[in-house]
């Protein structure tokens, strides 16, 4: 039952919660409308040579380029990237010709119709090898997981890059580092020291400097030696497993970046942080990218991730 509770909680927080919604969770809902003003890019990163992004939709993905990640897909398209939905299993010919592979919330089975098997491996061992080899030769991977069961489902792929995904929910016990009423809504800012120093957080200039981001009930992860914790978890964070057991998450993260052979990998442990989803009632002041919270800019964070993966940031 815990996974259903967490899913419901995420529906009520997604990027940034309005005080009125926090006071009345029953009023919270995911908002979808036609406003695209926050997706416009004044100076697109790419205008001639446009990197090709393969967006995985072949593994019971909760988030797709035409669904809950449409705003992310539209944002990077406006920045000059070409987005191609992927409906095939990963193999050399599937990946060939693409610059970046995006995988978000892959599962081993449909979580609505077959929840007991959703935590099965989403990828075959052969697929994992294909992605690993492709990145080693110069491909670039954005792997986004979330709370259980996605940690278990994506674990075999993450392990190819030395990354450990813990299949649970990361909860912050320090009220100074999370949104009031939501211990899984963790702030990563320069002020609290949890936003790591990395080209993704620095950007190309001060206009792209990320002040902070907020996640909304995700998992914890740990990268290999040589990786950088972009979203560092404080020692006050614990992981709540599906069994109800709580274990320390000290030394772990919710976002890392690493170089792998000739390629690059970013792993994020919470999906809503770069999806541009929002909550609220029709007519309220909707905040999709968290910027109504002081010191939060998930929109620039999303763009900088792609800029680093495509080589604009060193």
C-alpha atoms as a PDB file:
ATOM      1  CA  UNK A   1       0.000   0.000   0.000  1.00  0.00           C
ATOM      2  CA  UNK A   2       2.942   2.319   0.608  1.00  0.00           C
ATOM      3  CA  UNK A   3       3.645   2.784  -3.100  1.00  0.00           C
ATOM      4  CA  UNK A   4       0.082   3.918  -3.696  1.00  0.00           C
ATOM      5  CA  UNK A   5       0.380   6.393  -0.809  1.00  0.00           C
ATOM      6  CA  UNK A   6       3.616   7.786  -2.218  1.00  0.00           C
ATOM      7  CA  UNK A   7       2.127   8.076  -5.715  1.00  0.00           C
ATOM      8  CA  UNK A   8      -0.827   9.981  -4.290  1.00  0.00           C
ATOM      9  CA  UNK A   9       1.485  12.216  -2.320  1.00  0.00           C
ATOM     10  CA  UNK A  10       3.535  13.027  -5.420  1.00  0.00           C
ATOM     11  CA  UNK A  11       0.367  13.937  -7.276  1.00  0.00           C
ATOM     12  CA  UNK A  12      -0.203  16.531  -4.584  1.00  0.00           C
ATOM     13  CA  UNK A  13       3.279  18.074  -4.603  1.00  0.00           C
ATOM     14  CA  UNK A  14       4.922  17.656  -8.046  1.00  0.00           C
ATOM     15  CA  UNK A  15       7.285  20.603  -8.420  1.00  0.00           C
ATOM     16  CA  UNK A  16       6.029  23.255  -6.068  1.00  0.00           C
ATOM     17  CA  UNK A  17       3.155  23.219  -3.627  1.00  0.00           C
ATOM     18  CA  UNK A  18       0.986  26.201  -2.958  1.00  0.00           C
ATOM     19  CA  UNK A  19       0.178  26.848   0.707  1.00  0.00           C
ATOM     20  CA  UNK A  20      -3.541  26.436   0.103  1.00  0.00           C
ATOM     21  CA  UNK A  21      -2.966  23.024  -1.420  1.00  0.00           C
ATOM     22  CA  UNK A  22      -0.772  21.926   1.467  1.00  0.00           C
ATOM     23  CA  UNK A  23      -3.554  22.911   3.800  1.00  0.00           C
ATOM     24  CA  UNK A  24      -6.091  20.912   1.788  1.00  0.00           C
ATOM     25  CA  UNK A  25      -4.434  17.921   0.066  1.00  0.00           C
ATOM     26  CA  UNK A  26      -7.781  16.814  -1.322  1.00  0.00           C
ATOM     27  CA  UNK A  27      -7.778  19.896  -3.532  1.00  0.00           C
ATOM     28  CA  UNK A  28      -4.419  19.063  -5.093  1.00  0.00           C
ATOM     29  CA  UNK A  29      -4.384  17.902  -8.664  1.00  0.00           C
ATOM     30  CA  UNK A  30      -2.009  17.788 -11.572  1.00  0.00           C
ATOM     31  CA  UNK A  31      -2.738  20.666 -13.896  1.00  0.00           C
ATOM     32  CA  UNK A  32      -2.598  20.446 -17.673  1.00  0.00           C
ATOM     33  CA  UNK A  33      -3.345  23.413 -19.909  1.00  0.00           C
ATOM     34  CA  UNK A  34      -2.092  25.044 -23.091  1.00  0.00           C
ATOM     35  CA  UNK A  35       0.095  27.747 -21.529  1.00  0.00           C
ATOM     36  CA  UNK A  36       3.569  27.360 -22.997  1.00  0.00           C
ATOM     37  CA  UNK A  37       5.018  30.724 -22.003  1.00  0.00           C
ATOM     38  CA  UNK A  38       7.481  29.090 -19.596  1.00  0.00           C
ATOM     39  CA  UNK A  39       8.780  26.833 -22.375  1.00  0.00           C
ATOM     40  CA  UNK A  40      10.052  29.613 -24.606  1.00  0.00           C
ATOM     41  CA  UNK A  41      13.818  29.932 -25.082  1.00  0.00           C
ATOM     42  CA  UNK A  42      15.115  33.414 -25.891  1.00  0.00           C
ATOM     43  CA  UNK A  43      18.428  32.114 -27.222  1.00  0.00           C
ATOM     44  CA  UNK A  44      18.222  28.417 -28.180  1.00  0.00           C
ATOM     45  CA  UNK A  45      21.420  26.495 -27.532  1.00  0.00           C
ATOM     46  CA  UNK A  46      21.221  24.845 -30.951  1.00  0.00           C
ATOM     47  CA  UNK A  47      19.989  26.453 -34.166  1.00  0.00           C
ATOM     48  CA  UNK A  48      21.899  24.562 -36.862  1.00  0.00           C
ATOM     49  CA  UNK A  49      23.305  21.260 -35.653  1.00  0.00           C
ATOM     50  CA  UNK A  50      20.550  19.795 -33.482  1.00  0.00           C
ATOM     51  CA  UNK A  51      21.386  16.897 -31.114  1.00  0.00           C
ATOM     52  CA  UNK A  52      19.116  13.878 -31.446  1.00  0.00           C
ATOM     53  CA  UNK A  53      17.417  12.722 -28.258  1.00  0.00           C
ATOM     54  CA  UNK A  54      15.973   9.215 -28.060  1.00  0.00           C
ATOM     55  CA  UNK A  55      13.183   9.210 -25.470  1.00  0.00           C
ATOM     56  CA  UNK A  56      12.422   5.756 -24.117  1.00  0.00           C
ATOM     57  CA  UNK A  57       8.787   4.650 -24.154  1.00  0.00           C
ATOM     58  CA  UNK A  58       9.306   0.907 -24.525  1.00  0.00           C
ATOM     59  CA  UNK A  59       9.542  -0.167 -20.883  1.00  0.00           C
ATOM     60  CA  UNK A  60       6.166   0.577 -19.252  1.00  0.00           C
ATOM     61  CA  UNK A  61       7.443   4.089 -18.582  1.00  0.00           C
ATOM     62  CA  UNK A  62       5.318   6.158 -16.231  1.00  0.00           C
ATOM     63  CA  UNK A  63       6.610   9.307 -17.931  1.00  0.00           C
ATOM     64  CA  UNK A  64       6.712   9.715 -21.712  1.00  0.00           C
ATOM     65  CA  UNK A  65       7.574  12.538 -24.102  1.00  0.00           C
ATOM     66  CA  UNK A  66       3.898  12.962 -24.979  1.00  0.00           C
ATOM     67  CA  UNK A  67       2.611  12.446 -21.436  1.00  0.00           C
ATOM     68  CA  UNK A  68       3.924  13.579 -18.065  1.00  0.00           C
ATOM     69  CA  UNK A  69       7.255  14.596 -19.585  1.00  0.00           C
ATOM     70  CA  UNK A  70       5.770  16.530 -22.475  1.00  0.00           C
ATOM     71  CA  UNK A  71       6.768  19.878 -20.984  1.00  0.00           C
ATOM     72  CA  UNK A  72      10.360  18.698 -20.615  1.00  0.00           C
ATOM     73  CA  UNK A  73      10.317  17.398 -24.194  1.00  0.00           C
ATOM     74  CA  UNK A  74       8.839  20.663 -25.464  1.00  0.00           C
ATOM     75  CA  UNK A  75      11.347  22.720 -23.469  1.00  0.00           C
ATOM     76  CA  UNK A  76      14.398  20.964 -24.890  1.00  0.00           C
ATOM     77  CA  UNK A  77      12.865  20.978 -28.384  1.00  0.00           C
ATOM     78  CA  UNK A  78      12.618  24.760 -28.121  1.00  0.00           C
ATOM     79  CA  UNK A  79      16.282  24.753 -27.054  1.00  0.00           C
ATOM     80  CA  UNK A  80      17.224  23.072 -30.343  1.00  0.00           C
ATOM     81  CA  UNK A  81      17.157  19.364 -29.517  1.00  0.00           C
ATOM     82  CA  UNK A  82      15.307  16.852 -31.671  1.00  0.00           C
ATOM     83  CA  UNK A  83      13.188  14.410 -29.646  1.00  0.00           C
ATOM     84  CA  UNK A  84      12.357  10.952 -30.994  1.00  0.00           C
ATOM     85  CA  UNK A  85      10.068   8.618 -28.986  1.00  0.00           C
ATOM     86  CA  UNK A  86      11.486   5.112 -28.744  1.00  0.00           C
ATOM     87  CA  UNK A  87       9.188   2.072 -28.861  1.00  0.00           C
ATOM     88  CA  UNK A  88      11.862  -0.605 -29.354  1.00  0.00           C
ATOM     89  CA  UNK A  89      14.128  -2.603 -27.059  1.00  0.00           C
ATOM     90  CA  UNK A  90      17.625  -1.224 -26.758  1.00  0.00           C
ATOM     91  CA  UNK A  91      20.221  -2.577 -29.137  1.00  0.00           C
ATOM     92  CA  UNK A  92      23.044  -1.116 -31.170  1.00  0.00           C
ATOM     93  CA  UNK A  93      20.886  -0.249 -34.173  1.00  0.00           C
ATOM     94  CA  UNK A  94      18.227   1.371 -31.944  1.00  0.00           C
ATOM     95  CA  UNK A  95      20.744   3.695 -30.318  1.00  0.00           C
ATOM     96  CA  UNK A  96      22.867   4.396 -33.368  1.00  0.00           C
ATOM     97  CA  UNK A  97      22.696   7.944 -34.695  1.00  0.00           C
ATOM     98  CA  UNK A  98      21.362   9.448 -31.455  1.00  0.00           C
ATOM     99  CA  UNK A  99      23.290  11.727 -29.122  1.00  0.00           C
ATOM    100  CA  UNK A 100      21.333  11.404 -25.876  1.00  0.00           C
ATOM    101  CA  UNK A 101      19.150   8.632 -24.472  1.00  0.00           C
ATOM    102  CA  UNK A 102      16.497   9.707 -21.943  1.00  0.00           C
ATOM    103  CA  UNK A 103      14.896   7.045 -19.745  1.00  0.00           C
ATOM    104  CA  UNK A 104      12.313   8.068 -17.141  1.00  0.00           C
ATOM    105  CA  UNK A 105      10.535   5.811 -14.632  1.00  0.00           C
ATOM    106  CA  UNK A 106      10.937   2.535 -16.506  1.00  0.00           C
ATOM    107  CA  UNK A 107       9.152  -0.475 -14.978  1.00  0.00           C
ATOM    108  CA  UNK A 108       9.109  -4.226 -15.360  1.00  0.00           C
ATOM    109  CA  UNK A 109       5.341  -4.301 -15.926  1.00  0.00           C
ATOM    110  CA  UNK A 110       2.368  -1.960 -16.092  1.00  0.00           C
ATOM    111  CA  UNK A 111       1.978  -0.710 -12.529  1.00  0.00           C
ATOM    112  CA  UNK A 112      -1.789  -0.252 -12.920  1.00  0.00           C
ATOM    113  CA  UNK A 113      -2.675  -3.653 -14.351  1.00  0.00           C
ATOM    114  CA  UNK A 114       0.186  -5.741 -12.970  1.00  0.00           C
ATOM    115  CA  UNK A 115       1.607  -3.963  -9.907  1.00  0.00           C
ATOM    116  CA  UNK A 116       3.108  -7.139  -8.411  1.00  0.00           C
ATOM    117  CA  UNK A 117       5.633  -7.344 -11.254  1.00  0.00           C
ATOM    118  CA  UNK A 118       6.306  -3.643 -11.767  1.00  0.00           C
ATOM    119  CA  UNK A 119       9.523  -3.923  -9.756  1.00  0.00           C
ATOM    120  CA  UNK A 120      10.906  -6.625 -12.057  1.00  0.00           C
ATOM    121  CA  UNK A 121      13.901  -5.539 -14.174  1.00  0.00           C
ATOM    122  CA  UNK A 122      12.678  -3.149 -16.862  1.00  0.00           C
ATOM    123  CA  UNK A 123      15.597  -4.026 -19.142  1.00  0.00           C
ATOM    124  CA  UNK A 124      17.081  -7.296 -20.293  1.00  0.00           C
ATOM    125  CA  UNK A 125      20.751  -7.908 -19.593  1.00  0.00           C
ATOM    126  CA  UNK A 126      21.420  -7.588 -23.316  1.00  0.00           C
ATOM    127  CA  UNK A 127      19.742  -4.171 -23.364  1.00  0.00           C
ATOM    128  CA  UNK A 128      21.845  -3.040 -20.408  1.00  0.00           C
ATOM    129  CA  UNK A 129      24.996  -4.122 -22.198  1.00  0.00           C
ATOM    130  CA  UNK A 130      23.926  -2.310 -25.364  1.00  0.00           C
ATOM    131  CA  UNK A 131      23.346   0.969 -23.501  1.00  0.00           C
ATOM    132  CA  UNK A 132      26.597   0.627 -21.566  1.00  0.00           C
ATOM    133  CA  UNK A 133      28.622  -0.002 -24.718  1.00  0.00           C
ATOM    134  CA  UNK A 134      26.907   2.848 -26.561  1.00  0.00           C
ATOM    135  CA  UNK A 135      27.732   5.320 -23.769  1.00  0.00           C
ATOM    136  CA  UNK A 136      31.319   4.055 -23.567  1.00  0.00           C
ATOM    137  CA  UNK A 137      31.743   4.832 -27.256  1.00  0.00           C
ATOM    138  CA  UNK A 138      30.397   8.389 -26.857  1.00  0.00           C
ATOM    139  CA  UNK A 139      26.655   8.224 -26.233  1.00  0.00           C
ATOM    140  CA  UNK A 140      25.079  10.148 -23.364  1.00  0.00           C
ATOM    141  CA  UNK A 141      22.466   8.906 -20.908  1.00  0.00           C
ATOM    142  CA  UNK A 142      19.906  10.655 -18.708  1.00  0.00           C
ATOM    143  CA  UNK A 143      18.448   8.005 -16.410  1.00  0.00           C
ATOM    144  CA  UNK A 144      15.621   9.203 -14.165  1.00  0.00           C
ATOM    145  CA  UNK A 145      14.212   6.900 -11.507  1.00  0.00           C
ATOM    146  CA  UNK A 146      11.784   7.628  -8.684  1.00  0.00           C
ATOM    147  CA  UNK A 147      10.388   6.089  -5.525  1.00  0.00           C
ATOM    148  CA  UNK A 148       9.652   2.370  -5.457  1.00  0.00           C
ATOM    149  CA  UNK A 149       9.186   0.331  -7.605  1.00  0.00           C
ATOM    150  CA  UNK A 150      11.330   2.195 -10.155  1.00  0.00           C
ATOM    151  CA  UNK A 151      14.545   1.745  -8.169  1.00  0.00           C
ATOM    152  CA  UNK A 152      14.321  -2.026  -8.419  1.00  0.00           C
ATOM    153  CA  UNK A 153      13.196  -1.910 -12.050  1.00  0.00           C
ATOM    154  CA  UNK A 154      16.146   0.212 -13.243  1.00  0.00           C
ATOM    155  CA  UNK A 155      18.798  -1.232 -10.939  1.00  0.00           C
ATOM    156  CA  UNK A 156      20.436  -3.572 -13.448  1.00  0.00           C
ATOM    157  CA  UNK A 157      20.966  -0.738 -15.929  1.00  0.00           C
ATOM    158  CA  UNK A 158      22.244   1.670 -13.264  1.00  0.00           C
ATOM    159  CA  UNK A 159      24.739  -0.931 -12.068  1.00  0.00           C
ATOM    160  CA  UNK A 160      26.363  -0.989 -15.502  1.00  0.00           C
ATOM    161  CA  UNK A 161      27.643   2.486 -14.615  1.00  0.00           C
ATOM    162  CA  UNK A 162      28.495   1.721 -10.996  1.00  0.00           C
ATOM    163  CA  UNK A 163      25.372   3.441  -9.660  1.00  0.00           C
ATOM    164  CA  UNK A 164      23.296   1.970  -6.837  1.00  0.00           C
ATOM    165  CA  UNK A 165      19.577   2.777  -6.735  1.00  0.00           C
ATOM    166  CA  UNK A 166      17.822   2.095  -3.454  1.00  0.00           C
ATOM    167  CA  UNK A 167      14.248   0.951  -3.983  1.00  0.00           C
ATOM    168  CA  UNK A 168      12.426   3.122  -1.481  1.00  0.00           C
ATOM    169  CA  UNK A 169      11.551   6.712  -0.601  1.00  0.00           C
ATOM    170  CA  UNK A 170      14.111   9.209   0.708  1.00  0.00           C
ATOM    171  CA  UNK A 171      12.762  11.228   3.635  1.00  0.00           C
ATOM    172  CA  UNK A 172      14.435  14.236   5.245  1.00  0.00           C
ATOM    173  CA  UNK A 173      14.102  14.361   9.029  1.00  0.00           C
ATOM    174  CA  UNK A 174      15.425  17.932   9.284  1.00  0.00           C
ATOM    175  CA  UNK A 175      12.606  20.426   8.772  1.00  0.00           C
ATOM    176  CA  UNK A 176      15.169  22.967   7.594  1.00  0.00           C
ATOM    177  CA  UNK A 177      15.740  20.974   4.410  1.00  0.00           C
ATOM    178  CA  UNK A 178      12.232  19.993   3.322  1.00  0.00           C
ATOM    179  CA  UNK A 179       8.901  21.538   2.483  1.00  0.00           C
ATOM    180  CA  UNK A 180       6.583  21.891   5.461  1.00  0.00           C
ATOM    181  CA  UNK A 181       4.303  18.869   5.643  1.00  0.00           C
ATOM    182  CA  UNK A 182       6.271  16.836   3.106  1.00  0.00           C
ATOM    183  CA  UNK A 183       9.539  15.265   4.367  1.00  0.00           C
ATOM    184  CA  UNK A 184      10.133  13.762   0.909  1.00  0.00           C
ATOM    185  CA  UNK A 185      10.081  17.214  -0.724  1.00  0.00           C
ATOM    186  CA  UNK A 186      13.749  18.009  -0.269  1.00  0.00           C
ATOM    187  CA  UNK A 187      15.447  21.350  -0.952  1.00  0.00           C
ATOM    188  CA  UNK A 188      18.894  21.295  -2.566  1.00  0.00           C
ATOM    189  CA  UNK A 189      20.280  24.812  -2.463  1.00  0.00           C
ATOM    190  CA  UNK A 190      23.567  26.636  -2.279  1.00  0.00           C
ATOM    191  CA  UNK A 191      22.568  27.956   1.131  1.00  0.00           C
ATOM    192  CA  UNK A 192      22.050  24.536   2.728  1.00  0.00           C
ATOM    193  CA  UNK A 193      25.095  23.080   0.972  1.00  0.00           C
ATOM    194  CA  UNK A 194      23.159  20.251  -0.708  1.00  0.00           C
ATOM    195  CA  UNK A 195      23.451  21.547  -4.276  1.00  0.00           C
ATOM    196  CA  UNK A 196      26.744  20.160  -5.578  1.00  0.00           C
ATOM    197  CA  UNK A 197      29.318  22.156  -7.507  1.00  0.00           C
ATOM    198  CA  UNK A 198      29.184  20.902 -11.094  1.00  0.00           C
ATOM    199  CA  UNK A 199      28.916  22.409 -14.600  1.00  0.00           C
ATOM    200  CA  UNK A 200      25.203  21.512 -14.454  1.00  0.00           C
ATOM    201  CA  UNK A 201      24.667  23.779 -11.465  1.00  0.00           C
ATOM    202  CA  UNK A 202      27.033  26.499 -12.714  1.00  0.00           C
ATOM    203  CA  UNK A 203      25.770  26.772 -16.311  1.00  0.00           C
ATOM    204  CA  UNK A 204      27.615  28.656 -19.050  1.00  0.00           C
ATOM    205  CA  UNK A 205      27.349  32.024 -17.295  1.00  0.00           C
ATOM    206  CA  UNK A 206      25.682  33.661 -14.309  1.00  0.00           C
ATOM    207  CA  UNK A 207      22.335  33.795 -16.092  1.00  0.00           C
ATOM    208  CA  UNK A 208      22.303  29.989 -16.130  1.00  0.00           C
ATOM    209  CA  UNK A 209      23.519  29.510 -12.572  1.00  0.00           C
ATOM    210  CA  UNK A 210      21.076  27.265 -10.682  1.00  0.00           C
ATOM    211  CA  UNK A 211      20.293  28.534  -7.164  1.00  0.00           C
ATOM    212  CA  UNK A 212      18.568  25.315  -6.107  1.00  0.00           C
ATOM    213  CA  UNK A 213      15.922  22.712  -6.866  1.00  0.00           C
ATOM    214  CA  UNK A 214      13.308  20.769  -4.939  1.00  0.00           C
ATOM    215  CA  UNK A 215      12.494  17.096  -5.388  1.00  0.00           C
ATOM    216  CA  UNK A 216       9.205  15.477  -4.446  1.00  0.00           C
ATOM    217  CA  UNK A 217       9.428  11.992  -2.895  1.00  0.00           C
ATOM    218  CA  UNK A 218      12.145  10.128  -4.754  1.00  0.00           C
ATOM    219  CA  UNK A 219      14.758   7.500  -4.043  1.00  0.00           C
ATOM    220  CA  UNK A 220      18.348   7.770  -2.895  1.00  0.00           C
ATOM    221  CA  UNK A 221      21.286   6.669  -5.012  1.00  0.00           C
ATOM    222  CA  UNK A 222      25.044   6.415  -4.802  1.00  0.00           C
ATOM    223  CA  UNK A 223      27.502   6.925  -7.630  1.00  0.00           C
ATOM    224  CA  UNK A 224      30.889   5.327  -8.211  1.00  0.00           C
ATOM    225  CA  UNK A 225      34.278   6.858  -7.446  1.00  0.00           C
ATOM    226  CA  UNK A 226      34.850   9.770  -9.783  1.00  0.00           C
ATOM    227  CA  UNK A 227      31.191  10.750  -9.985  1.00  0.00           C
ATOM    228  CA  UNK A 228      29.871  14.057  -8.643  1.00  0.00           C
ATOM    229  CA  UNK A 229      26.895  14.318  -6.312  1.00  0.00           C
ATOM    230  CA  UNK A 230      24.844  17.120  -7.852  1.00  0.00           C
ATOM    231  CA  UNK A 231      21.975  16.708  -5.379  1.00  0.00           C
ATOM    232  CA  UNK A 232      23.600  15.664  -2.099  1.00  0.00           C
ATOM    233  CA  UNK A 233      21.483  14.140   0.642  1.00  0.00           C
ATOM    234  CA  UNK A 234      22.151  15.358   4.168  1.00  0.00           C
ATOM    235  CA  UNK A 235      23.045  12.942   6.945  1.00  0.00           C
ATOM    236  CA  UNK A 236      19.557  13.545   8.348  1.00  0.00           C
ATOM    237  CA  UNK A 237      17.888  11.698   5.444  1.00  0.00           C
ATOM    238  CA  UNK A 238      16.630   8.140   5.797  1.00  0.00           C
ATOM    239  CA  UNK A 239      15.254   5.706   3.233  1.00  0.00           C
ATOM    240  CA  UNK A 240      11.880   4.122   3.869  1.00  0.00           C
ATOM    241  CA  UNK A 241      11.753   0.749   2.111  1.00  0.00           C
ATOM    242  CA  UNK A 242       8.571  -0.928   0.814  1.00  0.00           C
ATOM    243  CA  UNK A 243       8.695  -3.213   3.874  1.00  0.00           C
ATOM    244  CA  UNK A 244       8.462  -0.172   6.134  1.00  0.00           C
ATOM    245  CA  UNK A 245      12.059  -0.505   7.320  1.00  0.00           C
ATOM    246  CA  UNK A 246      13.933   2.767   7.675  1.00  0.00           C
ATOM    247  CA  UNK A 247      17.672   2.908   6.998  1.00  0.00           C
ATOM    248  CA  UNK A 248      20.138   5.820   6.941  1.00  0.00           C
ATOM    249  CA  UNK A 249      20.841   7.521   3.606  1.00  0.00           C
ATOM    250  CA  UNK A 250      23.955   9.376   4.766  1.00  0.00           C
ATOM    251  CA  UNK A 251      26.515   9.753   1.996  1.00  0.00           C
ATOM    252  CA  UNK A 252      23.972   9.181  -0.748  1.00  0.00           C
ATOM    253  CA  UNK A 253      22.386  11.545  -3.277  1.00  0.00           C
ATOM    254  CA  UNK A 254      19.352  12.193  -5.472  1.00  0.00           C
ATOM    255  CA  UNK A 255      21.360  13.279  -8.501  1.00  0.00           C
ATOM    256  CA  UNK A 256      24.815  12.499  -9.840  1.00  0.00           C
ATOM    257  CA  UNK A 257      26.885  13.126 -12.959  1.00  0.00           C
ATOM    258  CA  UNK A 258      29.753  11.024 -14.260  1.00  0.00           C
ATOM    259  CA  UNK A 259      31.883  10.497 -17.330  1.00  0.00           C
ATOM    260  CA  UNK A 260      31.958   6.966 -18.686  1.00  0.00           C
ATOM    261  CA  UNK A 261      34.429   6.206 -21.444  1.00  0.00           C
ATOM    262  CA  UNK A 262      33.782   8.805 -24.131  1.00  0.00           C
ATOM    263  CA  UNK A 263      30.241   9.406 -22.899  1.00  0.00           C
ATOM    264  CA  UNK A 264      28.427  11.039 -20.015  1.00  0.00           C
ATOM    265  CA  UNK A 265      25.736   9.898 -17.598  1.00  0.00           C
ATOM    266  CA  UNK A 266      23.328  11.795 -15.353  1.00  0.00           C
ATOM    267  CA  UNK A 267      21.174   9.840 -12.916  1.00  0.00           C
ATOM    268  CA  UNK A 268      18.319  11.578 -11.079  1.00  0.00           C
ATOM    269  CA  UNK A 269      16.347   9.888  -8.294  1.00  0.00           C
ATOM    270  CA  UNK A 270      13.076  11.818  -8.627  1.00  0.00           C
ATOM    271  CA  UNK A 271      11.062  12.384 -11.771  1.00  0.00           C
ATOM    272  CA  UNK A 272       9.021  15.539 -11.134  1.00  0.00           C
ATOM    273  CA  UNK A 273      12.101  17.697 -10.516  1.00  0.00           C
ATOM    274  CA  UNK A 274      12.695  18.273 -14.256  1.00  0.00           C
ATOM    275  CA  UNK A 275       9.282  17.468 -15.710  1.00  0.00           C
ATOM    276  CA  UNK A 276       7.650  20.874 -15.414  1.00  0.00           C
ATOM    277  CA  UNK A 277       4.584  19.339 -13.764  1.00  0.00           C
ATOM    278  CA  UNK A 278       2.521  21.487 -11.469  1.00  0.00           C
ATOM    279  CA  UNK A 279      -0.275  21.389  -8.961  1.00  0.00           C
ATOM    280  CA  UNK A 280      -3.171  23.631  -8.080  1.00  0.00           C
ATOM    281  CA  UNK A 281      -6.777  24.370  -8.831  1.00  0.00           C
ATOM    282  CA  UNK A 282      -7.847  26.006 -12.094  1.00  0.00           C
ATOM    283  CA  UNK A 283      -7.369  29.738 -11.755  1.00  0.00           C
ATOM    284  CA  UNK A 284      -4.630  29.577  -9.125  1.00  0.00           C
ATOM    285  CA  UNK A 285      -1.140  30.925  -9.644  1.00  0.00           C
ATOM    286  CA  UNK A 286       0.449  27.756 -11.013  1.00  0.00           C
ATOM    287  CA  UNK A 287       4.175  27.198 -10.582  1.00  0.00           C
ATOM    288  CA  UNK A 288       5.508  24.495 -12.842  1.00  0.00           C
ATOM    289  CA  UNK A 289       9.252  24.816 -12.396  1.00  0.00           C
ATOM    290  CA  UNK A 290       9.426  25.745  -8.730  1.00  0.00           C
ATOM    291  CA  UNK A 291      10.476  29.337  -9.315  1.00  0.00           C
ATOM    292  CA  UNK A 292       7.766  30.731  -7.030  1.00  0.00           C
ATOM    293  CA  UNK A 293       9.885  29.275  -4.227  1.00  0.00           C
ATOM    294  CA  UNK A 294      12.839  31.514  -3.533  1.00  0.00           C
ATOM    295  CA  UNK A 295      16.098  29.924  -4.636  1.00  0.00           C
ATOM    296  CA  UNK A 296      14.509  27.246  -6.855  1.00  0.00           C
ATOM    297  CA  UNK A 297      14.884  27.010 -10.642  1.00  0.00           C
ATOM    298  CA  UNK A 298      14.223  23.521 -11.978  1.00  0.00           C
ATOM    299  CA  UNK A 299      13.737  24.828 -15.523  1.00  0.00           C
ATOM    300  CA  UNK A 300      17.360  25.934 -15.801  1.00  0.00           C
ATOM    301  CA  UNK A 301      18.455  22.766 -14.036  1.00  0.00           C
ATOM    302  CA  UNK A 302      16.748  20.696 -16.744  1.00  0.00           C
ATOM    303  CA  UNK A 303      18.353  22.724 -19.527  1.00  0.00           C
ATOM    304  CA  UNK A 304      21.796  22.537 -17.930  1.00  0.00           C
ATOM    305  CA  UNK A 305      21.563  18.754 -17.647  1.00  0.00           C
ATOM    306  CA  UNK A 306      20.982  18.543 -21.376  1.00  0.00           C
ATOM    307  CA  UNK A 307      23.718  21.091 -22.083  1.00  0.00           C
ATOM    308  CA  UNK A 308      26.228  18.997 -20.137  1.00  0.00           C
ATOM    309  CA  UNK A 309      25.166  15.769 -21.809  1.00  0.00           C
ATOM    310  CA  UNK A 310      25.423  17.336 -25.268  1.00  0.00           C
ATOM    311  CA  UNK A 311      28.852  18.814 -24.533  1.00  0.00           C
ATOM    312  CA  UNK A 312      28.021  22.532 -24.232  1.00  0.00           C
ATOM    313  CA  UNK A 313      29.220  22.414 -20.630  1.00  0.00           C
ATOM    314  CA  UNK A 314      32.579  20.862 -19.738  1.00  0.00           C
END
